[in-house]
Amino acid sequence: MDTSWADRRVYGSEPDDPEPGPTPGHTYVELVDGPLDGQLLDITGWTPKEVQTGAALMTDLGQFGPGGRTLYDPRPGEQTRWDWSGDTP
């Protein structure tokens, strides 16, 4: 695990969670730009195809508010960063 990520919030953790950071032994990617910028996404156990596909993550912070999703795709040439590509209802 990247030690610079120790104080980062993991996507899906609650804001008041006493330990919202990464868990040792898990694999994470950093979400870059968009409504979840700076959060980590736990991809432990994902298949290579799932990782290559990216993710549509539920968030109230995106363009479509509650129930909407924000889209993140793997950054070419970097295994630890996914870039925001937009929002969807």
N, C-alpha and C. Protein backbone atom coordinates (compact mmCIF):
# COMPACT_ATOMS: atom_id res chain seq x y z
N MET A 1 0.86 -1.19 0.00
CA MET A 1 0.00 0.00 0.00
C MET A 1 0.89 1.24 0.00
N ASP A 2 0.53 2.22 -0.77
CA ASP A 2 1.24 3.48 -0.84
C ASP A 2 1.11 4.20 0.51
N THR A 3 2.24 4.47 1.17
CA THR A 3 2.18 5.09 2.49
C THR A 3 1.63 6.51 2.46
N SER A 4 1.67 7.16 1.30
CA SER A 4 1.10 8.51 1.20
C SER A 4 -0.42 8.47 1.26
N TRP A 5 -0.99 7.29 1.15
CA TRP A 5 -2.45 7.14 1.17
C TRP A 5 -2.98 6.87 2.57
N ALA A 6 -2.13 6.77 3.56
CA ALA A 6 -2.53 6.36 4.91
C ALA A 6 -3.64 7.24 5.49
N ASP A 7 -3.66 8.53 5.17
CA ASP A 7 -4.66 9.44 5.73
C ASP A 7 -5.83 9.70 4.78
N ARG A 8 -5.90 8.98 3.69
CA ARG A 8 -6.95 9.18 2.70
C ARG A 8 -8.21 8.44 3.08
N ARG A 9 -9.35 8.97 2.68
CA ARG A 9 -10.65 8.33 2.91
C ARG A 9 -10.92 7.34 1.78
N VAL A 10 -11.42 6.18 2.14
CA VAL A 10 -11.78 5.15 1.17
C VAL A 10 -13.23 5.35 0.76
N TYR A 11 -13.49 5.30 -0.54
CA TYR A 11 -14.85 5.42 -1.07
C TYR A 11 -15.73 4.40 -0.36
N GLY A 12 -16.91 4.86 0.07
CA GLY A 12 -17.86 3.99 0.74
C GLY A 12 -17.79 4.07 2.25
N SER A 13 -16.71 4.64 2.80
CA SER A 13 -16.65 4.80 4.25
C SER A 13 -17.48 6.02 4.63
N GLU A 14 -18.01 6.00 5.81
CA GLU A 14 -18.83 7.11 6.30
C GLU A 14 -17.92 8.25 6.76
N PRO A 15 -18.33 9.50 6.55
CA PRO A 15 -17.50 10.64 6.97
C PRO A 15 -17.15 10.62 8.47
N ASP A 16 -18.03 10.06 9.29
CA ASP A 16 -17.75 10.03 10.72
C ASP A 16 -17.10 8.71 11.17
N ASP A 17 -16.71 7.86 10.21
CA ASP A 17 -16.05 6.60 10.52
C ASP A 17 -14.73 6.92 11.23
N PRO A 18 -14.47 6.31 12.39
CA PRO A 18 -13.23 6.59 13.09
C PRO A 18 -11.98 6.13 12.34
N GLU A 19 -12.13 5.18 11.42
CA GLU A 19 -11.00 4.71 10.62
C GLU A 19 -11.41 4.60 9.15
N PRO A 20 -11.54 5.76 8.46
CA PRO A 20 -12.01 5.74 7.07
C PRO A 20 -10.92 5.45 6.05
N GLY A 21 -9.70 5.21 6.53
CA GLY A 21 -8.56 5.04 5.63
C GLY A 21 -8.39 3.63 5.12
N PRO A 22 -7.34 3.43 4.34
CA PRO A 22 -7.09 2.13 3.71
C PRO A 22 -6.72 1.04 4.73
N THR A 23 -7.00 -0.19 4.35
CA THR A 23 -6.70 -1.37 5.15
C THR A 23 -5.46 -2.04 4.58
N PRO A 24 -4.47 -2.35 5.42
CA PRO A 24 -3.28 -3.04 4.91
C PRO A 24 -3.66 -4.35 4.21
N GLY A 25 -2.96 -4.64 3.13
CA GLY A 25 -3.21 -5.85 2.37
C GLY A 25 -4.26 -5.71 1.29
N HIS A 26 -4.90 -4.55 1.20
CA HIS A 26 -5.88 -4.30 0.16
C HIS A 26 -5.23 -3.53 -0.99
N THR A 27 -5.86 -3.57 -2.15
CA THR A 27 -5.37 -2.86 -3.33
C THR A 27 -6.30 -1.69 -3.60
N TYR A 28 -5.72 -0.51 -3.80
CA TYR A 28 -6.51 0.70 -4.01
C TYR A 28 -6.07 1.44 -5.25
N VAL A 29 -6.99 2.23 -5.79
CA VAL A 29 -6.66 3.22 -6.82
C VAL A 29 -7.14 4.57 -6.31
N GLU A 30 -6.45 5.62 -6.72
CA GLU A 30 -6.83 6.98 -6.35
C GLU A 30 -7.80 7.54 -7.38
N LEU A 31 -8.89 8.11 -6.92
CA LEU A 31 -9.86 8.75 -7.82
C LEU A 31 -9.43 10.19 -8.04
N VAL A 32 -9.28 10.59 -9.29
CA VAL A 32 -8.72 11.89 -9.64
C VAL A 32 -9.79 12.75 -10.33
N ASP A 33 -9.95 13.96 -9.82
CA ASP A 33 -10.93 14.94 -10.31
C ASP A 33 -12.35 14.47 -9.99
N GLY A 34 -13.32 15.25 -10.42
CA GLY A 34 -14.72 14.91 -10.19
C GLY A 34 -15.12 14.98 -8.72
N PRO A 35 -16.32 14.52 -8.41
CA PRO A 35 -16.86 14.67 -7.07
C PRO A 35 -16.17 13.81 -6.00
N LEU A 36 -15.45 12.78 -6.40
CA LEU A 36 -14.78 11.91 -5.43
C LEU A 36 -13.27 12.09 -5.43
N ASP A 37 -12.81 13.21 -5.95
CA ASP A 37 -11.38 13.51 -6.07
C ASP A 37 -10.66 13.27 -4.75
N GLY A 38 -9.57 12.51 -4.83
CA GLY A 38 -8.73 12.27 -3.67
C GLY A 38 -9.12 11.04 -2.86
N GLN A 39 -10.31 10.51 -3.07
CA GLN A 39 -10.69 9.30 -2.33
C GLN A 39 -10.02 8.08 -2.97
N LEU A 40 -9.94 7.03 -2.19
CA LEU A 40 -9.39 5.77 -2.67
C LEU A 40 -10.51 4.78 -2.91
N LEU A 41 -10.37 3.99 -3.96
CA LEU A 41 -11.34 2.94 -4.26
C LEU A 41 -10.66 1.59 -4.04
N ASP A 42 -11.26 0.76 -3.21
CA ASP A 42 -10.72 -0.57 -2.91
C ASP A 42 -11.08 -1.50 -4.06
N ILE A 43 -10.06 -1.97 -4.78
CA ILE A 43 -10.29 -2.88 -5.91
C ILE A 43 -9.78 -4.28 -5.59
N THR A 44 -9.61 -4.58 -4.32
CA THR A 44 -9.17 -5.89 -3.89
C THR A 44 -10.15 -6.94 -4.43
N GLY A 45 -9.63 -7.95 -5.08
CA GLY A 45 -10.47 -9.03 -5.59
C GLY A 45 -11.09 -8.78 -6.95
N TRP A 46 -10.91 -7.60 -7.50
CA TRP A 46 -11.45 -7.31 -8.83
C TRP A 46 -10.64 -8.10 -9.87
N THR A 47 -11.30 -8.55 -10.92
CA THR A 47 -10.61 -9.22 -12.01
C THR A 47 -9.92 -8.16 -12.87
N PRO A 48 -8.91 -8.57 -13.66
CA PRO A 48 -8.28 -7.60 -14.57
C PRO A 48 -9.29 -6.92 -15.50
N LYS A 49 -10.30 -7.66 -15.95
CA LYS A 49 -11.31 -7.08 -16.84
C LYS A 49 -12.13 -6.03 -16.10
N GLU A 50 -12.50 -6.30 -14.85
CA GLU A 50 -13.25 -5.32 -14.06
C GLU A 50 -12.42 -4.05 -13.84
N VAL A 51 -11.14 -4.22 -13.56
CA VAL A 51 -10.27 -3.06 -13.36
C VAL A 51 -10.16 -2.26 -14.65
N GLN A 52 -10.01 -2.94 -15.78
CA GLN A 52 -9.88 -2.27 -17.07
C GLN A 52 -11.15 -1.50 -17.44
N THR A 53 -12.30 -1.97 -16.97
CA THR A 53 -13.58 -1.36 -17.30
C THR A 53 -13.81 -0.06 -16.54
N GLY A 54 -13.24 0.08 -15.35
CA GLY A 54 -13.50 1.25 -14.53
C GLY A 54 -14.75 1.05 -13.69
N ALA A 55 -15.33 2.16 -13.20
CA ALA A 55 -16.46 2.03 -12.29
C ALA A 55 -17.43 3.19 -12.39
N ALA A 56 -18.69 2.88 -12.14
CA ALA A 56 -19.75 3.88 -12.00
C ALA A 56 -20.11 3.85 -10.51
N LEU A 57 -19.70 4.87 -9.77
CA LEU A 57 -19.82 4.88 -8.32
C LEU A 57 -20.97 5.76 -7.86
N MET A 58 -21.79 5.23 -6.98
CA MET A 58 -22.91 6.00 -6.45
C MET A 58 -22.39 7.16 -5.60
N THR A 59 -22.99 8.34 -5.81
CA THR A 59 -22.64 9.49 -4.98
C THR A 59 -23.75 10.54 -5.06
N ASP A 60 -23.95 11.24 -3.96
CA ASP A 60 -24.88 12.36 -3.92
C ASP A 60 -24.21 13.64 -4.39
N LEU A 61 -22.89 13.58 -4.60
CA LEU A 61 -22.10 14.77 -4.90
C LEU A 61 -22.01 15.10 -6.38
N GLY A 62 -22.45 14.21 -7.24
CA GLY A 62 -22.33 14.42 -8.68
C GLY A 62 -23.42 15.32 -9.24
N GLN A 63 -23.40 15.49 -10.53
CA GLN A 63 -24.33 16.35 -11.25
C GLN A 63 -25.79 15.96 -11.03
N PHE A 64 -26.07 14.67 -10.81
CA PHE A 64 -27.44 14.20 -10.71
C PHE A 64 -27.92 14.00 -9.28
N GLY A 65 -27.10 14.36 -8.29
CA GLY A 65 -27.50 14.30 -6.90
C GLY A 65 -27.77 12.89 -6.41
N PRO A 66 -28.64 12.75 -5.39
CA PRO A 66 -28.92 11.43 -4.82
C PRO A 66 -29.37 10.43 -5.89
N GLY A 67 -28.77 9.26 -5.84
CA GLY A 67 -29.10 8.22 -6.81
C GLY A 67 -28.25 8.27 -8.07
N GLY A 68 -27.50 9.34 -8.26
CA GLY A 68 -26.64 9.46 -9.43
C GLY A 68 -25.34 8.69 -9.25
N ARG A 69 -24.64 8.56 -10.34
CA ARG A 69 -23.35 7.88 -10.31
C ARG A 69 -22.32 8.76 -10.99
N THR A 70 -21.09 8.59 -10.57
CA THR A 70 -19.98 9.29 -11.19
C THR A 70 -19.04 8.24 -11.78
N LEU A 71 -18.50 8.52 -12.94
CA LEU A 71 -17.75 7.53 -13.71
C LEU A 71 -16.25 7.78 -13.61
N TYR A 72 -15.51 6.71 -13.34
CA TYR A 72 -14.06 6.77 -13.26
C TYR A 72 -13.47 5.66 -14.12
N ASP A 73 -12.43 6.02 -14.88
CA ASP A 73 -11.76 5.08 -15.79
C ASP A 73 -10.27 5.04 -15.47
N PRO A 74 -9.65 3.86 -15.63
CA PRO A 74 -8.22 3.74 -15.39
C PRO A 74 -7.43 4.72 -16.26
N ARG A 75 -6.43 5.34 -15.68
CA ARG A 75 -5.56 6.24 -16.44
C ARG A 75 -4.57 5.40 -17.22
N PRO A 76 -4.49 5.60 -18.54
CA PRO A 76 -3.54 4.82 -19.34
C PRO A 76 -2.11 4.97 -18.80
N GLY A 77 -1.46 3.83 -18.65
CA GLY A 77 -0.07 3.82 -18.21
C GLY A 77 0.14 3.96 -16.72
N GLU A 78 -0.93 4.13 -15.94
CA GLU A 78 -0.81 4.24 -14.48
C GLU A 78 -1.79 3.28 -13.83
N GLN A 79 -1.29 2.40 -13.01
CA GLN A 79 -2.15 1.39 -12.40
C GLN A 79 -2.84 1.88 -11.12
N THR A 80 -2.43 3.01 -10.60
CA THR A 80 -2.96 3.45 -9.30
C THR A 80 -3.84 4.68 -9.36
N ARG A 81 -4.17 5.17 -10.55
CA ARG A 81 -5.01 6.37 -10.67
C ARG A 81 -6.11 6.14 -11.69
N TRP A 82 -7.30 6.55 -11.30
CA TRP A 82 -8.45 6.52 -12.21
C TRP A 82 -8.97 7.94 -12.36
N ASP A 83 -9.24 8.33 -13.59
CA ASP A 83 -9.70 9.68 -13.89
C ASP A 83 -11.22 9.74 -14.04
N TRP A 84 -11.78 10.84 -13.57
CA TRP A 84 -13.21 11.11 -13.69
C TRP A 84 -13.54 11.35 -15.15
N SER A 85 -14.64 10.73 -15.62
CA SER A 85 -15.04 10.93 -17.01
C SER A 85 -16.46 11.46 -17.14
N GLY A 86 -17.12 11.76 -16.01
CA GLY A 86 -18.45 12.35 -16.08
C GLY A 86 -19.40 11.74 -15.06
N ASP A 87 -20.64 12.19 -15.13
CA ASP A 87 -21.68 11.71 -14.22
C ASP A 87 -22.84 11.15 -15.05
N THR A 88 -23.62 10.29 -14.43
CA THR A 88 -24.78 9.70 -15.08
C THR A 88 -25.91 9.54 -14.06
N PRO A 89 -27.15 9.62 -14.52
CA PRO A 89 -28.26 9.47 -13.56
C PRO A 89 -28.33 8.06 -12.99
